Amino acid sequence: MEIFKLHSAAISFGEKEVLTEVSFSLNTGEVMGIFGKNGCGKSTLLKMIFGTLQNGSIEISINGKNFKPSRNISSKQVAYLPQHSFLAKNIKVRDVI
């Protein structure tokens, strides 16, 4: 059973603290929902985990081994589907593939 642990995620943008001391753990097959108002840091947290936002602090382990979000895209351990399209509007998915 895989265990994903996130400990002490924090990020600020200038004077505005967006996330402070966010921590949780998940076992394989568990589902967790993240709820909150617009601008409270939900997408920011997901981007930090995925590795596309790297100016905060975050500690993650998977099965007890340290996981570096900055290496995630090449290691393909965590997936993230943003709410907004990441493809140009004039490009078809089959053309990208």
PDB file of N, CA and C in Angstrom:
ATOM      1  N   MET A   1       0.842  -1.173   0.000  1.00  0.00           N
ATOM      2  CA  MET A   1       0.000   0.000   0.000  1.00  0.00           C
ATOM      3  C   MET A   1       0.892   1.244   0.000  1.00  0.00           C
ATOM      4  N   GLU A   2       0.737   2.059  -1.024  1.00  0.00           N
ATOM      5  CA  GLU A   2       1.528   3.286  -1.099  1.00  0.00           C
ATOM      6  C   GLU A   2       0.971   4.326  -0.151  1.00  0.00           C
ATOM      7  N   ILE A   3       1.872   5.082   0.427  1.00  0.00           N
ATOM      8  CA  ILE A   3       1.467   6.173   1.303  1.00  0.00           C
ATOM      9  C   ILE A   3       2.103   7.455   0.781  1.00  0.00           C
ATOM     10  N   PHE A   4       1.266   8.437   0.507  1.00  0.00           N
ATOM     11  CA  PHE A   4       1.705   9.761   0.060  1.00  0.00           C
ATOM     12  C   PHE A   4       1.573  10.682   1.265  1.00  0.00           C
ATOM     13  N   LYS A   5       2.679  11.294   1.671  1.00  0.00           N
ATOM     14  CA  LYS A   5       2.647  12.215   2.813  1.00  0.00           C
ATOM     15  C   LYS A   5       3.152  13.583   2.382  1.00  0.00           C
ATOM     16  N   LEU A   6       2.375  14.588   2.697  1.00  0.00           N
ATOM     17  CA  LEU A   6       2.768  15.969   2.458  1.00  0.00           C
ATOM     18  C   LEU A   6       2.875  16.633   3.828  1.00  0.00           C
ATOM     19  N   HIS A   7       3.970  17.330   4.050  1.00  0.00           N
ATOM     20  CA  HIS A   7       4.199  17.943   5.357  1.00  0.00           C
ATOM     21  C   HIS A   7       4.665  19.379   5.193  1.00  0.00           C
ATOM     22  N   SER A   8       4.013  20.270   5.881  1.00  0.00           N
ATOM     23  CA  SER A   8       4.443  21.668   6.017  1.00  0.00           C
ATOM     24  C   SER A   8       4.569  22.429   4.699  1.00  0.00           C
ATOM     25  N   ALA A   9       3.597  22.306   3.824  1.00  0.00           N
ATOM     26  CA  ALA A   9       3.611  23.110   2.597  1.00  0.00           C
ATOM     27  C   ALA A   9       3.315  24.566   2.958  1.00  0.00           C
ATOM     28  N   ALA A  10       4.107  25.467   2.395  1.00  0.00           N
ATOM     29  CA  ALA A  10       3.914  26.897   2.656  1.00  0.00           C
ATOM     30  C   ALA A  10       4.377  27.693   1.449  1.00  0.00           C
ATOM     31  N   ILE A  11       3.659  28.777   1.171  1.00  0.00           N
ATOM     32  CA  ILE A  11       4.058  29.671   0.086  1.00  0.00           C
ATOM     33  C   ILE A  11       3.466  31.052   0.332  1.00  0.00           C
ATOM     34  N   SER A  12       4.231  32.047  -0.045  1.00  0.00           N
ATOM     35  CA  SER A  12       3.784  33.444   0.031  1.00  0.00           C
ATOM     36  C   SER A  12       4.048  34.110  -1.305  1.00  0.00           C
ATOM     37  N   PHE A  13       3.225  35.062  -1.635  1.00  0.00           N
ATOM     38  CA  PHE A  13       3.438  35.913  -2.798  1.00  0.00           C
ATOM     39  C   PHE A  13       3.552  37.332  -2.272  1.00  0.00           C
ATOM     40  N   GLY A  14       4.784  37.804  -2.187  1.00  0.00           N
ATOM     41  CA  GLY A  14       5.024  39.103  -1.566  1.00  0.00           C
ATOM     42  C   GLY A  14       4.657  39.033  -0.095  1.00  0.00           C
ATOM     43  N   GLU A  15       3.837  39.946   0.360  1.00  0.00           N
ATOM     44  CA  GLU A  15       3.408  39.979   1.759  1.00  0.00           C
ATOM     45  C   GLU A  15       2.262  39.011   2.059  1.00  0.00           C
ATOM     46  N   LYS A  16       1.632  38.476   0.997  1.00  0.00           N
ATOM     47  CA  LYS A  16       0.440  37.632   1.192  1.00  0.00           C
ATOM     48  C   LYS A  16       0.828  36.172   1.374  1.00  0.00           C
ATOM     49  N   GLU A  17       0.571  35.638   2.569  1.00  0.00           N
ATOM     50  CA  GLU A  17       0.751  34.214   2.825  1.00  0.00           C
ATOM     51  C   GLU A  17      -0.445  33.472   2.245  1.00  0.00           C
ATOM     52  N   VAL A  18      -0.191  32.578   1.319  1.00  0.00           N
ATOM     53  CA  VAL A  18      -1.272  31.830   0.684  1.00  0.00           C
ATOM     54  C   VAL A  18      -1.483  30.488   1.381  1.00  0.00           C
ATOM     55  N   LEU A  19      -0.393  29.778   1.670  1.00  0.00           N
ATOM     56  CA  LEU A  19      -0.472  28.498   2.377  1.00  0.00           C
ATOM     57  C   LEU A  19       0.510  28.506   3.538  1.00  0.00           C
ATOM     58  N   THR A  20       0.084  28.002   4.683  1.00  0.00           N
ATOM     59  CA  THR A  20       0.983  27.849   5.829  1.00  0.00           C
ATOM     60  C   THR A  20       0.692  26.518   6.502  1.00  0.00           C
ATOM     61  N   GLU A  21       1.727  25.719   6.693  1.00  0.00           N
ATOM     62  CA  GLU A  21       1.636  24.460   7.449  1.00  0.00           C
ATOM     63  C   GLU A  21       0.550  23.498   6.949  1.00  0.00           C
ATOM     64  N   VAL A  22       0.436  23.313   5.631  1.00  0.00           N
ATOM     65  CA  VAL A  22      -0.522  22.350   5.085  1.00  0.00           C
ATOM     66  C   VAL A  22       0.110  20.962   5.138  1.00  0.00           C
ATOM     67  N   SER A  23      -0.583  20.011   5.737  1.00  0.00           N
ATOM     68  CA  SER A  23      -0.077  18.643   5.858  1.00  0.00           C
ATOM     69  C   SER A  23      -1.223  17.651   5.715  1.00  0.00           C
ATOM     70  N   PHE A  24      -0.954  16.504   5.079  1.00  0.00           N
ATOM     71  CA  PHE A  24      -1.913  15.404   5.006  1.00  0.00           C
ATOM     72  C   PHE A  24      -1.190  14.157   4.520  1.00  0.00           C
ATOM     73  N   SER A  25      -1.851  13.000   4.654  1.00  0.00           N
ATOM     74  CA  SER A  25      -1.312  11.761   4.100  1.00  0.00           C
ATOM     75  C   SER A  25      -2.452  10.971   3.479  1.00  0.00           C
ATOM     76  N   LEU A  26      -2.127  10.202   2.442  1.00  0.00           N
ATOM     77  CA  LEU A  26      -3.113   9.405   1.720  1.00  0.00           C
ATOM     78  C   LEU A  26      -2.564   8.014   1.450  1.00  0.00           C
ATOM     79  N   ASN A  27      -3.417   7.011   1.566  1.00  0.00           N
ATOM     80  CA  ASN A  27      -3.070   5.648   1.184  1.00  0.00           C
ATOM     81  C   ASN A  27      -3.567   5.399  -0.234  1.00  0.00           C
ATOM     82  N   THR A  28      -3.025   4.405  -0.888  1.00  0.00           N
ATOM     83  CA  THR A  28      -3.467   4.041  -2.227  1.00  0.00           C
ATOM     84  C   THR A  28      -4.973   3.831  -2.240  1.00  0.00           C
ATOM     85  N   GLY A  29      -5.638   4.429  -3.225  1.00  0.00           N
ATOM     86  CA  GLY A  29      -7.077   4.274  -3.374  1.00  0.00           C
ATOM     87  C   GLY A  29      -7.907   5.288  -2.621  1.00  0.00           C
ATOM     88  N   GLU A  30      -7.303   6.040  -1.715  1.00  0.00           N
ATOM     89  CA  GLU A  30      -8.053   7.066  -0.985  1.00  0.00           C
ATOM     90  C   GLU A  30      -8.250   8.287  -1.871  1.00  0.00           C
ATOM     91  N   VAL A  31      -9.363   8.943  -1.661  1.00  0.00           N
ATOM     92  CA  VAL A  31      -9.682  10.167  -2.388  1.00  0.00           C
ATOM     93  C   VAL A  31      -9.823  11.290  -1.377  1.00  0.00           C
ATOM     94  N   MET A  32      -9.236  12.432  -1.696  1.00  0.00           N
ATOM     95  CA  MET A  32      -9.331  13.587  -0.806  1.00  0.00           C
ATOM     96  C   MET A  32      -9.834  14.777  -1.617  1.00  0.00           C
ATOM     97  N   GLY A  33     -10.758  15.505  -1.056  1.00  0.00           N
ATOM     98  CA  GLY A  33     -11.250  16.721  -1.689  1.00  0.00           C
ATOM     99  C   GLY A  33     -10.605  17.938  -1.052  1.00  0.00           C
ATOM    100  N   ILE A  34     -10.343  18.952  -1.872  1.00  0.00           N
ATOM    101  CA  ILE A  34      -9.798  20.216  -1.370  1.00  0.00           C
ATOM    102  C   ILE A  34     -10.833  21.292  -1.674  1.00  0.00           C
ATOM    103  N   PHE A  35     -11.369  21.900  -0.626  1.00  0.00           N
ATOM    104  CA  PHE A  35     -12.423  22.892  -0.778  1.00  0.00           C
ATOM    105  C   PHE A  35     -11.960  24.228  -0.224  1.00  0.00           C
ATOM    106  N   GLY A  36     -12.454  25.300  -0.825  1.00  0.00           N
ATOM    107  CA  GLY A  36     -12.151  26.625  -0.320  1.00  0.00           C
ATOM    108  C   GLY A  36     -12.589  27.704  -1.297  1.00  0.00           C
ATOM    109  N   LYS A  37     -12.541  28.918  -0.835  1.00  0.00           N
ATOM    110  CA  LYS A  37     -12.918  30.063  -1.656  1.00  0.00           C
ATOM    111  C   LYS A  37     -11.897  30.283  -2.766  1.00  0.00           C
ATOM    112  N   ASN A  38     -12.303  31.040  -3.768  1.00  0.00           N
ATOM    113  CA  ASN A  38     -11.370  31.430  -4.823  1.00  0.00           C
ATOM    114  C   ASN A  38     -10.184  32.158  -4.210  1.00  0.00           C
ATOM    115  N   GLY A  39      -8.987  31.812  -4.668  1.00  0.00           N
ATOM    116  CA  GLY A  39      -7.789  32.498  -4.206  1.00  0.00           C
ATOM    117  C   GLY A  39      -7.224  32.011  -2.890  1.00  0.00           C
ATOM    118  N   CYS A  40      -7.756  30.905  -2.346  1.00  0.00           N
ATOM    119  CA  CYS A  40      -7.263  30.452  -1.041  1.00  0.00           C
ATOM    120  C   CYS A  40      -6.062  29.509  -1.148  1.00  0.00           C
ATOM    121  N   GLY A  41      -5.685  29.078  -2.359  1.00  0.00           N
ATOM    122  CA  GLY A  41      -4.469  28.294  -2.524  1.00  0.00           C
ATOM    123  C   GLY A  41      -4.645  26.857  -2.980  1.00  0.00           C
ATOM    124  N   LYS A  42      -5.854  26.460  -3.367  1.00  0.00           N
ATOM    125  CA  LYS A  42      -6.086  25.074  -3.797  1.00  0.00           C
ATOM    126  C   LYS A  42      -5.225  24.713  -5.003  1.00  0.00           C
ATOM    127  N   SER A  43      -5.332  25.474  -6.053  1.00  0.00           N
ATOM    128  CA  SER A  43      -4.543  25.209  -7.272  1.00  0.00           C
ATOM    129  C   SER A  43      -3.059  25.413  -7.019  1.00  0.00           C
ATOM    130  N   THR A  44      -2.721  26.367  -6.189  1.00  0.00           N
ATOM    131  CA  THR A  44      -1.317  26.608  -5.842  1.00  0.00           C
ATOM    132  C   THR A  44      -0.722  25.367  -5.187  1.00  0.00           C
ATOM    133  N   LEU A  45      -1.449  24.755  -4.265  1.00  0.00           N
ATOM    134  CA  LEU A  45      -0.973  23.541  -3.609  1.00  0.00           C
ATOM    135  C   LEU A  45      -0.758  22.423  -4.628  1.00  0.00           C
ATOM    136  N   LEU A  46      -1.713  22.221  -5.525  1.00  0.00           N
ATOM    137  CA  LEU A  46      -1.574  21.173  -6.541  1.00  0.00           C
ATOM    138  C   LEU A  46      -0.377  21.436  -7.453  1.00  0.00           C
ATOM    139  N   LYS A  47      -0.168  22.681  -7.833  1.00  0.00           N
ATOM    140  CA  LYS A  47       0.988  23.024  -8.674  1.00  0.00           C
ATOM    141  C   LYS A  47       2.299  22.792  -7.934  1.00  0.00           C
ATOM    142  N   MET A  48       2.317  23.039  -6.632  1.00  0.00           N
ATOM    143  CA  MET A  48       3.520  22.775  -5.840  1.00  0.00           C
ATOM    144  C   MET A  48       3.809  21.275  -5.791  1.00  0.00           C
ATOM    145  N   ILE A  49       2.779  20.474  -5.584  1.00  0.00           N
ATOM    146  CA  ILE A  49       2.954  19.020  -5.531  1.00  0.00           C
ATOM    147  C   ILE A  49       3.434  18.506  -6.884  1.00  0.00           C
ATOM    148  N   PHE A  50       2.846  18.995  -7.953  1.00  0.00           N
ATOM    149  CA  PHE A  50       3.186  18.534  -9.293  1.00  0.00           C
ATOM    150  C   PHE A  50       4.571  19.012  -9.739  1.00  0.00           C
ATOM    151  N   GLY A  51       5.017  20.139  -9.206  1.00  0.00           N
ATOM    152  CA  GLY A  51       6.354  20.619  -9.534  1.00  0.00           C
ATOM    153  C   GLY A  51       6.402  21.768 -10.510  1.00  0.00           C
ATOM    154  N   THR A  52       5.236  22.332 -10.865  1.00  0.00           N
ATOM    155  CA  THR A  52       5.248  23.465 -11.791  1.00  0.00           C
ATOM    156  C   THR A  52       5.331  24.810 -11.079  1.00  0.00           C
ATOM    157  N   LEU A  53       5.234  24.817  -9.769  1.00  0.00           N
ATOM    158  CA  LEU A  53       5.402  26.024  -8.961  1.00  0.00           C
ATOM    159  C   LEU A  53       6.412  25.695  -7.869  1.00  0.00           C
ATOM    160  N   GLN A  54       7.569  26.343  -7.919  1.00  0.00           N
ATOM    161  CA  GLN A  54       8.665  25.918  -7.058  1.00  0.00           C
ATOM    162  C   GLN A  54       9.176  26.984  -6.105  1.00  0.00           C
ATOM    163  N   ASN A  55       8.462  28.076  -5.915  1.00  0.00           N
ATOM    164  CA  ASN A  55       8.998  29.118  -5.041  1.00  0.00           C
ATOM    165  C   ASN A  55       8.485  29.038  -3.605  1.00  0.00           C
ATOM    166  N   GLY A  56       7.859  27.942  -3.228  1.00  0.00           N
ATOM    167  CA  GLY A  56       7.421  27.744  -1.851  1.00  0.00           C
ATOM    168  C   GLY A  56       8.245  26.653  -1.203  1.00  0.00           C
ATOM    169  N   SER A  57       7.828  26.226  -0.025  1.00  0.00           N
ATOM    170  CA  SER A  57       8.503  25.102   0.628  1.00  0.00           C
ATOM    171  C   SER A  57       7.501  23.968   0.792  1.00  0.00           C
ATOM    172  N   ILE A  58       7.960  22.757   0.518  1.00  0.00           N
ATOM    173  CA  ILE A  58       7.078  21.602   0.578  1.00  0.00           C
ATOM    174  C   ILE A  58       7.931  20.356   0.842  1.00  0.00           C
ATOM    175  N   GLU A  59       7.449  19.487   1.718  1.00  0.00           N
ATOM    176  CA  GLU A  59       8.118  18.219   1.995  1.00  0.00           C
ATOM    177  C   GLU A  59       7.138  17.104   1.665  1.00  0.00           C
ATOM    178  N   ILE A  60       7.554  16.194   0.772  1.00  0.00           N
ATOM    179  CA  ILE A  60       6.687  15.098   0.350  1.00  0.00           C
ATOM    180  C   ILE A  60       7.476  13.799   0.423  1.00  0.00           C
ATOM    181  N   SER A  61       6.790  12.733   0.846  1.00  0.00           N
ATOM    182  CA  SER A  61       7.386  11.405   0.756  1.00  0.00           C
ATOM    183  C   SER A  61       6.343  10.438   0.194  1.00  0.00           C
ATOM    184  N   ILE A  62       6.824   9.487  -0.578  1.00  0.00           N
ATOM    185  CA  ILE A  62       5.988   8.420  -1.122  1.00  0.00           C
ATOM    186  C   ILE A  62       6.633   7.114  -0.681  1.00  0.00           C
ATOM    187  N   ASN A  63       5.897   6.324   0.070  1.00  0.00           N
ATOM    188  CA  ASN A  63       6.421   5.077   0.643  1.00  0.00           C
ATOM    189  C   ASN A  63       7.681   5.315   1.468  1.00  0.00           C
ATOM    190  N   GLY A  64       7.736   6.407   2.177  1.00  0.00           N
ATOM    191  CA  GLY A  64       8.861   6.695   3.050  1.00  0.00           C
ATOM    192  C   GLY A  64      10.083   7.275   2.356  1.00  0.00           C
ATOM    193  N   LYS A  65      10.035   7.409   1.034  1.00  0.00           N
ATOM    194  CA  LYS A  65      11.163   7.976   0.290  1.00  0.00           C
ATOM    195  C   LYS A  65      10.855   9.422  -0.064  1.00  0.00           C
ATOM    196  N   ASN A  66      11.837  10.307   0.112  1.00  0.00           N
ATOM    197  CA  ASN A  66      11.646  11.712  -0.236  1.00  0.00           C
ATOM    198  C   ASN A  66      11.304  11.844  -1.717  1.00  0.00           C
ATOM    199  N   PHE A  67      10.347  12.701  -1.982  1.00  0.00           N
ATOM    200  CA  PHE A  67       9.888  12.977  -3.346  1.00  0.00           C
ATOM    201  C   PHE A  67      10.158  14.438  -3.633  1.00  0.00           C
ATOM    202  N   LYS A  68      10.833  14.719  -4.714  1.00  0.00           N
ATOM    203  CA  LYS A  68      11.141  16.104  -5.097  1.00  0.00           C
ATOM    204  C   LYS A  68      10.210  16.517  -6.226  1.00  0.00           C
ATOM    205  N   PRO A  69       9.271  17.427  -5.952  1.00  0.00           N
ATOM    206  CA  PRO A  69       8.349  17.865  -6.997  1.00  0.00           C
ATOM    207  C   PRO A  69       9.064  18.397  -8.241  1.00  0.00           C
ATOM    208  N   SER A  70      10.242  18.993  -8.079  1.00  0.00           N
ATOM    209  CA  SER A  70      10.958  19.544  -9.238  1.00  0.00           C
ATOM    210  C   SER A  70      11.361  18.446 -10.226  1.00  0.00           C
ATOM    211  N   ARG A  71      11.402  17.195  -9.772  1.00  0.00           N
ATOM    212  CA  ARG A  71      11.751  16.070 -10.651  1.00  0.00           C
ATOM    213  C   ARG A  71      10.530  15.272 -11.083  1.00  0.00           C
ATOM    214  N   ASN A  72       9.357  15.715 -10.707  1.00  0.00           N
ATOM    215  CA  ASN A  72       8.145  14.948 -10.956  1.00  0.00           C
ATOM    216  C   ASN A  72       7.830  14.760 -12.428  1.00  0.00           C
ATOM    217  N   ILE A  73       7.953  15.784 -13.238  1.00  0.00           N
ATOM    218  CA  ILE A  73       7.551  15.672 -14.634  1.00  0.00           C
ATOM    219  C   ILE A  73       8.353  14.575 -15.325  1.00  0.00           C
ATOM    220  N   SER A  74       9.644  14.478 -15.052  1.00  0.00           N
ATOM    221  CA  SER A  74      10.449  13.426 -15.670  1.00  0.00           C
ATOM    222  C   SER A  74      10.206  12.056 -15.036  1.00  0.00           C
ATOM    223  N   SER A  75       9.884  12.015 -13.741  1.00  0.00           N
ATOM    224  CA  SER A  75       9.668  10.720 -13.072  1.00  0.00           C
ATOM    225  C   SER A  75       8.239  10.203 -13.217  1.00  0.00           C
ATOM    226  N   LYS A  76       7.295  11.090 -13.539  1.00  0.00           N
ATOM    227  CA  LYS A  76       5.885  10.732 -13.775  1.00  0.00           C
ATOM    228  C   LYS A  76       5.247  10.019 -12.584  1.00  0.00           C
ATOM    229  N   GLN A  77       5.529  10.473 -11.377  1.00  0.00           N
ATOM    230  CA  GLN A  77       4.949   9.844 -10.185  1.00  0.00           C
ATOM    231  C   GLN A  77       3.621  10.471  -9.777  1.00  0.00           C
ATOM    232  N   VAL A  78       3.433  11.746 -10.051  1.00  0.00           N
ATOM    233  CA  VAL A  78       2.210  12.445  -9.668  1.00  0.00           C
ATOM    234  C   VAL A  78       1.666  13.145 -10.904  1.00  0.00           C
ATOM    235  N   ALA A  79       0.355  13.030 -11.137  1.00  0.00           N
ATOM    236  CA  ALA A  79      -0.282  13.673 -12.283  1.00  0.00           C
ATOM    237  C   ALA A  79      -1.173  14.814 -11.802  1.00  0.00           C
ATOM    238  N   TYR A  80      -1.321  15.803 -12.647  1.00  0.00           N
ATOM    239  CA  TYR A  80      -2.143  16.973 -12.326  1.00  0.00           C
ATOM    240  C   TYR A  80      -2.820  17.436 -13.598  1.00  0.00           C
ATOM    241  N   LEU A  81      -4.120  17.590 -13.573  1.00  0.00           N
ATOM    242  CA  LEU A  81      -4.868  18.086 -14.717  1.00  0.00           C
ATOM    243  C   LEU A  81      -5.428  19.453 -14.351  1.00  0.00           C
ATOM    244  N   PRO A  82      -4.853  20.526 -14.922  1.00  0.00           N
ATOM    245  CA  PRO A  82      -5.331  21.866 -14.571  1.00  0.00           C
ATOM    246  C   PRO A  82      -6.752  22.099 -15.075  1.00  0.00           C
ATOM    247  N   GLN A  83      -7.449  23.023 -14.426  1.00  0.00           N
ATOM    248  CA  GLN A  83      -8.829  23.290 -14.819  1.00  0.00           C
ATOM    249  C   GLN A  83      -8.929  24.025 -16.144  1.00  0.00           C
ATOM    250  N   HIS A  84      -7.905  24.777 -16.495  1.00  0.00           N
ATOM    251  CA  HIS A  84      -7.910  25.503 -17.760  1.00  0.00           C
ATOM    252  C   HIS A  84      -7.064  24.748 -18.773  1.00  0.00           C
ATOM    253  N   SER A  85      -7.464  24.801 -20.028  1.00  0.00           N
ATOM    254  CA  SER A  85      -6.732  24.101 -21.076  1.00  0.00           C
ATOM    255  C   SER A  85      -5.297  24.599 -21.157  1.00  0.00           C
ATOM    256  N   PHE A  86      -4.372  23.672 -21.329  1.00  0.00           N
ATOM    257  CA  PHE A  86      -2.967  24.039 -21.462  1.00  0.00           C
ATOM    258  C   PHE A  86      -2.538  23.990 -22.925  1.00  0.00           C
ATOM    259  N   LEU A  87      -3.477  23.680 -23.833  1.00  0.00           N
ATOM    260  CA  LEU A  87      -3.193  23.667 -25.264  1.00  0.00           C
ATOM    261  C   LEU A  87      -3.688  24.955 -25.904  1.00  0.00           C
ATOM    262  N   ALA A  88      -2.994  25.387 -26.933  1.00  0.00           N
ATOM    263  CA  ALA A  88      -3.461  26.559 -27.689  1.00  0.00           C
ATOM    264  C   ALA A  88      -4.805  26.221 -28.329  1.00  0.00           C
ATOM    265  N   LYS A  89      -5.685  27.193 -28.445  1.00  0.00           N
ATOM    266  CA  LYS A  89      -7.031  26.950 -28.958  1.00  0.00           C
ATOM    267  C   LYS A  89      -7.042  26.484 -30.418  1.00  0.00           C
ATOM    268  N   ASN A  90      -5.993  26.831 -31.164  1.00  0.00           N
ATOM    269  CA  ASN A  90      -5.963  26.475 -32.581  1.00  0.00           C
ATOM    270  C   ASN A  90      -5.297  25.120 -32.846  1.00  0.00           C
ATOM    271  N   ILE A  91      -4.904  24.395 -31.791  1.00  0.00           N
ATOM    272  CA  ILE A  91      -4.253  23.092 -31.934  1.00  0.00           C
ATOM    273  C   ILE A  91      -5.212  21.996 -31.487  1.00  0.00           C
ATOM    274  N   LYS A  92      -5.323  20.939 -32.312  1.00  0.00           N
ATOM    275  CA  LYS A  92      -6.155  19.794 -31.957  1.00  0.00           C
ATOM    276  C   LYS A  92      -5.312  18.783 -31.194  1.00  0.00           C
ATOM    277  N   VAL A  93      -5.946  18.076 -30.265  1.00  0.00           N
ATOM    278  CA  VAL A  93      -5.243  17.097 -29.431  1.00  0.00           C
ATOM    279  C   VAL A  93      -4.541  16.062 -30.315  1.00  0.00           C
ATOM    280  N   ARG A  94      -5.209  15.582 -31.379  1.00  0.00           N
ATOM    281  CA  ARG A  94      -4.569  14.563 -32.239  1.00  0.00           C
ATOM    282  C   ARG A  94      -3.317  15.100 -32.911  1.00  0.00           C
ATOM    283  N   ASP A  95      -3.255  16.412 -33.189  1.00  0.00           N
ATOM    284  CA  ASP A  95      -2.043  16.997 -33.769  1.00  0.00           C
ATOM    285  C   ASP A  95      -0.893  17.016 -32.764  1.00  0.00           C
ATOM    286  N   VAL A  96      -1.219  17.206 -31.499  1.00  0.00           N
ATOM    287  CA  VAL A  96      -0.197  17.201 -30.448  1.00  0.00           C
ATOM    288  C   VAL A  96       0.350  15.801 -30.271  1.00  0.00           C
ATOM    289  N   ILE A  97      -0.543  14.820 -30.284  1.00  0.00           N
ATOM    290  CA  ILE A  97      -0.133  13.423 -30.094  1.00  0.00           C
ATOM    291  C   ILE A  97       0.701  12.982 -31.276  1.00  0.00           C
TER     292      ILE A  97
END
